[in-house]
């Protein structure tokens, strides 16, 4: 009888070795990580979905010691561990009249700019 855990592990390893995944990781190393490294703040919209790209970008921002601003869209419940990791969590309605100003103020706070 086959061990289902061993079979899942082999399938996952095969997936990680696929051309698509290797290309995705290479593009991240070449394009994405340098952009995060050059940024003053890591800002990401959080919708409540578990998105592999968000997870990888968040991990890079942590390893690169970037200030992290999580902008939670209306209705998204931010997990406690993400709240603990983030330097600031902003709950805003993106179409609210003051959304842009709240976002600008949060970024300014994280990079140390004085309000205008």
Protein backbone atom coordinates (compact mmCIF):
# COMPACT_ATOMS: atom_id res chain seq x y z
CA UNK A 1 0.00 0.00 0.00
CA UNK A 2 1.33 3.42 -1.01
CA UNK A 3 1.93 6.08 1.61
CA UNK A 4 -0.35 9.01 0.64
CA UNK A 5 1.95 11.51 2.38
CA UNK A 6 4.95 10.26 0.41
CA UNK A 7 2.96 10.51 -2.83
CA UNK A 8 1.90 14.10 -2.04
CA UNK A 9 5.48 14.99 -1.20
CA UNK A 10 6.69 13.59 -4.53
CA UNK A 11 3.96 15.46 -6.43
CA UNK A 12 4.90 18.70 -4.68
CA UNK A 13 8.60 18.22 -5.46
CA UNK A 14 7.71 17.54 -9.08
CA UNK A 15 5.62 20.72 -9.17
CA UNK A 16 8.46 22.80 -7.71
CA UNK A 17 10.75 21.44 -10.41
CA UNK A 18 8.37 22.43 -13.21
CA UNK A 19 9.45 24.98 -15.83
CA UNK A 20 6.65 27.35 -14.82
CA UNK A 21 7.65 27.44 -11.18
CA UNK A 22 11.36 27.78 -11.97
CA UNK A 23 10.54 30.69 -14.31
CA UNK A 24 8.37 32.33 -11.65
CA UNK A 25 11.14 32.11 -9.04
CA UNK A 26 13.76 33.38 -11.49
CA UNK A 27 11.59 36.37 -12.43
CA UNK A 28 11.08 37.09 -8.72
CA UNK A 29 14.85 37.05 -8.12
CA UNK A 30 15.57 39.19 -11.18
CA UNK A 31 12.70 41.70 -11.05
CA UNK A 32 10.59 41.56 -7.90
CA UNK A 33 13.17 41.33 -5.13
CA UNK A 34 15.25 44.27 -6.43
CA UNK A 35 12.09 46.42 -6.57
CA UNK A 36 11.21 45.55 -2.98
CA UNK A 37 14.81 46.18 -1.95
CA UNK A 38 14.79 49.64 -3.59
CA UNK A 39 11.48 50.68 -2.01
CA UNK A 40 11.17 52.75 1.15
CA UNK A 41 8.04 50.88 2.30
CA UNK A 42 6.43 47.56 1.43
CA UNK A 43 2.78 48.37 0.81
CA UNK A 44 0.34 45.64 -0.03
CA UNK A 45 -3.40 45.37 -0.39
CA UNK A 46 -4.84 42.54 1.66
CA UNK A 47 -8.18 41.13 0.55
CA UNK A 48 -8.33 38.17 2.90
CA UNK A 49 -7.29 35.68 0.21
CA UNK A 50 -4.15 33.61 0.57
CA UNK A 51 -2.20 34.62 -2.51
CA UNK A 52 1.18 32.93 -3.18
CA UNK A 53 2.60 36.09 -4.72
CA UNK A 54 1.61 38.17 -1.66
CA UNK A 55 3.16 35.55 0.62
CA UNK A 56 6.44 35.60 -1.29
CA UNK A 57 6.55 39.41 -1.44
CA UNK A 58 5.77 39.71 2.27
CA UNK A 59 8.53 37.22 3.06
CA UNK A 60 10.99 39.21 0.96
CA UNK A 61 9.96 42.46 2.68
CA UNK A 62 10.54 40.85 6.09
CA UNK A 63 13.96 39.51 5.08
CA UNK A 64 14.90 42.89 3.56
CA UNK A 65 13.79 44.64 6.77
CA UNK A 66 11.32 46.92 5.02
CA UNK A 67 8.60 48.79 6.90
CA UNK A 68 5.38 46.91 6.13
CA UNK A 69 2.08 48.67 5.48
CA UNK A 70 -0.86 46.33 5.03
CA UNK A 71 -3.91 48.00 3.51
CA UNK A 72 -6.92 45.84 4.29
CA UNK A 73 -9.80 46.22 1.89
CA UNK A 74 -13.33 46.53 3.19
CA UNK A 75 -14.45 43.31 4.88
CA UNK A 76 -11.01 41.69 5.04
CA UNK A 77 -10.15 40.28 8.44
CA UNK A 78 -6.40 40.58 8.93
CA UNK A 79 -4.93 37.55 10.73
CA UNK A 80 -3.34 38.35 14.12
CA UNK A 81 0.11 37.16 13.02
CA UNK A 82 0.02 39.46 9.98
CA UNK A 83 -0.97 42.33 12.30
CA UNK A 84 2.02 41.46 14.51
CA UNK A 85 4.42 41.48 11.56
CA UNK A 86 3.13 44.67 9.95
CA UNK A 87 4.42 48.05 11.06
CA UNK A 88 0.98 49.45 10.31
CA UNK A 89 -2.36 48.02 9.23
CA UNK A 90 -4.75 50.41 7.57
CA UNK A 91 -8.43 49.49 7.17
CA UNK A 92 -9.89 51.73 4.49
CA UNK A 93 -12.55 51.74 1.84
CA UNK A 94 -10.60 52.39 -1.34
CA UNK A 95 -13.37 54.51 -2.86
CA UNK A 96 -13.82 56.70 0.25
CA UNK A 97 -13.08 60.39 -0.32
CA UNK A 98 -10.31 60.39 2.31
CA UNK A 99 -8.69 57.06 1.28
CA UNK A 100 -5.84 58.68 -0.63
CA UNK A 101 -4.98 61.03 2.24
CA UNK A 102 -5.07 58.21 4.82
CA UNK A 103 -2.79 56.13 2.63
CA UNK A 104 -0.39 59.04 2.06
CA UNK A 105 -0.27 59.79 5.80
CA UNK A 106 0.42 56.14 6.67
CA UNK A 107 3.32 55.93 4.20
CA UNK A 108 4.69 59.27 5.45
CA UNK A 109 4.53 58.01 9.02
CA UNK A 110 6.51 54.90 8.15
CA UNK A 111 9.23 56.75 6.26
CA UNK A 112 9.41 59.56 8.78
CA UNK A 113 8.03 62.42 6.64
CA UNK A 114 6.24 65.26 8.31
CA UNK A 115 2.65 65.89 7.18
CA UNK A 116 2.27 68.76 4.70
